[in-house]
Amino acid sequence: MEIVISGGKVAPSTGEITTPQAAKARRIANFLPRPELLRDAVIEHNQDDNTTSIRFETTAGPIRILLPVAPGFEFHIIHDSETGPRILGMFRGASLPVRAVAFRISEFLRTRGLK
């Protein structure tokens, strides 16, 4: 599933978002190694902040994997709590294949008991 945030409003994606980040997020989501991750993954396009992330509902609340905005930047793992967003971790992966990025995401969530 994909959602779009624009003008502060959240709506389901009605058309295909064609940015390079959106394409990479879809490829990463397709390679998530565990069925429960694949089933629960939501690609979120925030047009207000010009970001794309993959969101998971976890035992601790929503977790977003924010894709790098440009080559050379890092993936950020963000917990959206009641007190606001908090960065749980980050990893370099812009040069990694999408399958390796999907594995890193899965292992991060698994080793911390979130999914």
Protein backbone atom coordinates (compact mmCIF):
# COMPACT_ATOMS: atom_id res chain seq x y z
CA MET A 1 0.00 0.00 0.00
CA GLU A 2 1.15 3.55 -0.68
CA ILE A 3 0.01 6.81 0.86
CA VAL A 4 0.74 10.42 -0.05
CA ILE A 5 1.02 13.34 2.36
CA SER A 6 0.44 16.67 0.67
CA GLY A 7 -0.66 19.94 2.21
CA GLY A 8 -0.80 18.26 5.62
CA LYS A 9 -3.42 15.77 4.39
CA VAL A 10 -2.94 12.00 4.19
CA ALA A 11 -4.53 10.19 1.26
CA PRO A 12 -4.12 6.82 -0.42
CA SER A 13 -1.98 7.03 -3.55
CA THR A 14 -4.23 7.28 -6.59
CA GLY A 15 -1.51 7.62 -9.21
CA GLU A 16 1.97 6.25 -9.60
CA ILE A 17 4.67 8.37 -7.95
CA THR A 18 7.64 8.27 -10.34
CA THR A 19 10.50 9.71 -8.29
CA PRO A 20 13.72 7.68 -7.99
CA GLN A 21 13.11 7.38 -4.22
CA ALA A 22 9.63 5.93 -4.80
CA ALA A 23 10.98 3.36 -7.25
CA LYS A 24 13.74 2.35 -4.81
CA ALA A 25 11.24 2.08 -1.91
CA ARG A 26 9.07 -0.27 -3.99
CA ARG A 27 12.06 -2.44 -4.92
CA ILE A 28 13.21 -2.62 -1.27
CA ALA A 29 9.70 -3.54 -0.10
CA ASN A 30 9.50 -6.32 -2.70
CA PHE A 31 12.66 -7.92 -1.31
CA LEU A 32 11.72 -7.87 2.39
CA PRO A 33 12.63 -11.40 3.50
CA ARG A 34 9.81 -12.07 5.96
CA PRO A 35 6.12 -12.32 4.95
CA GLU A 36 4.88 -10.27 7.92
CA LEU A 37 7.15 -7.39 6.91
CA LEU A 38 6.07 -7.56 3.30
CA ARG A 39 2.40 -7.63 4.31
CA ASP A 40 2.69 -4.71 6.76
CA ALA A 41 4.96 -2.40 4.73
CA VAL A 42 3.44 0.94 3.72
CA ILE A 43 5.31 3.26 1.38
CA GLU A 44 4.79 6.85 2.48
CA HIS A 45 5.44 9.77 0.10
CA ASN A 46 5.60 13.03 2.05
CA GLN A 47 5.40 15.70 -0.62
CA ASP A 48 5.50 18.47 2.01
CA ASP A 49 8.97 17.37 3.18
CA ASN A 50 10.00 15.85 -0.18
CA THR A 51 10.79 12.47 1.43
CA THR A 52 9.90 8.84 0.87
CA SER A 53 9.88 6.21 3.60
CA ILE A 54 8.75 2.67 4.30
CA ARG A 55 6.57 2.46 7.41
CA PHE A 56 5.87 -0.54 9.63
CA GLU A 57 3.46 -0.86 12.55
CA THR A 58 5.47 -2.52 15.32
CA THR A 59 4.99 -3.47 18.96
CA ALA A 60 6.52 -0.10 19.93
CA GLY A 61 4.45 1.94 17.48
CA PRO A 62 5.11 3.13 13.93
CA ILE A 63 8.67 2.83 12.63
CA ARG A 64 9.71 4.57 9.40
CA ILE A 65 12.76 3.82 7.28
CA LEU A 66 13.53 7.16 5.65
CA LEU A 67 15.26 6.75 2.31
CA PRO A 68 18.32 8.91 1.56
CA VAL A 69 17.48 12.17 -0.18
CA ALA A 70 20.61 12.00 -2.37
CA PRO A 71 23.50 9.62 -3.07
CA GLY A 72 26.00 9.53 -0.22
CA PHE A 73 23.41 10.07 2.51
CA GLU A 74 22.14 7.47 4.99
CA PHE A 75 18.93 5.56 5.66
CA HIS A 76 17.35 6.77 8.91
CA ILE A 77 15.24 4.53 11.15
CA ILE A 78 12.70 6.73 12.93
CA HIS A 79 10.23 5.87 15.68
CA ASP A 80 7.10 8.05 15.55
CA SER A 81 6.11 8.19 19.22
CA GLU A 82 3.59 10.31 21.08
CA THR A 83 6.37 12.76 22.01
CA GLY A 84 7.51 13.15 18.41
CA PRO A 85 9.86 11.45 15.99
CA ARG A 86 13.05 9.90 17.39
CA ILE A 87 15.95 8.48 15.38
CA LEU A 88 16.65 4.89 16.45
CA GLY A 89 19.50 4.30 14.06
CA MET A 90 20.95 4.86 10.65
CA PHE A 91 22.99 2.96 8.12
CA ARG A 92 24.77 3.67 4.89
CA GLY A 93 23.27 1.80 2.03
CA ALA A 94 22.95 4.05 -1.00
CA SER A 95 25.46 1.89 -2.88
CA LEU A 96 24.07 -1.44 -1.61
CA PRO A 97 21.72 -3.55 -3.72
CA VAL A 98 18.07 -3.26 -2.68
CA ARG A 99 18.08 -6.89 -1.50
CA ALA A 100 20.85 -6.07 1.02
CA VAL A 101 18.98 -2.97 2.23
CA ALA A 102 15.81 -5.03 2.72
CA PHE A 103 17.79 -7.60 4.73
CA ARG A 104 19.31 -4.87 6.94
CA ILE A 105 15.86 -3.44 7.64
CA SER A 106 14.50 -6.87 8.51
CA GLU A 107 17.41 -7.65 10.83
CA PHE A 108 17.17 -4.27 12.57
CA LEU A 109 13.50 -4.86 13.38
CA ARG A 110 14.02 -8.52 14.33
CA THR A 111 17.01 -8.05 16.62
CA ARG A 112 15.23 -5.34 18.57
CA GLY A 113 12.04 -7.37 18.97
CA LEU A 114 9.96 -4.87 17.02
CA LYS A 115 8.70 -7.25 14.35
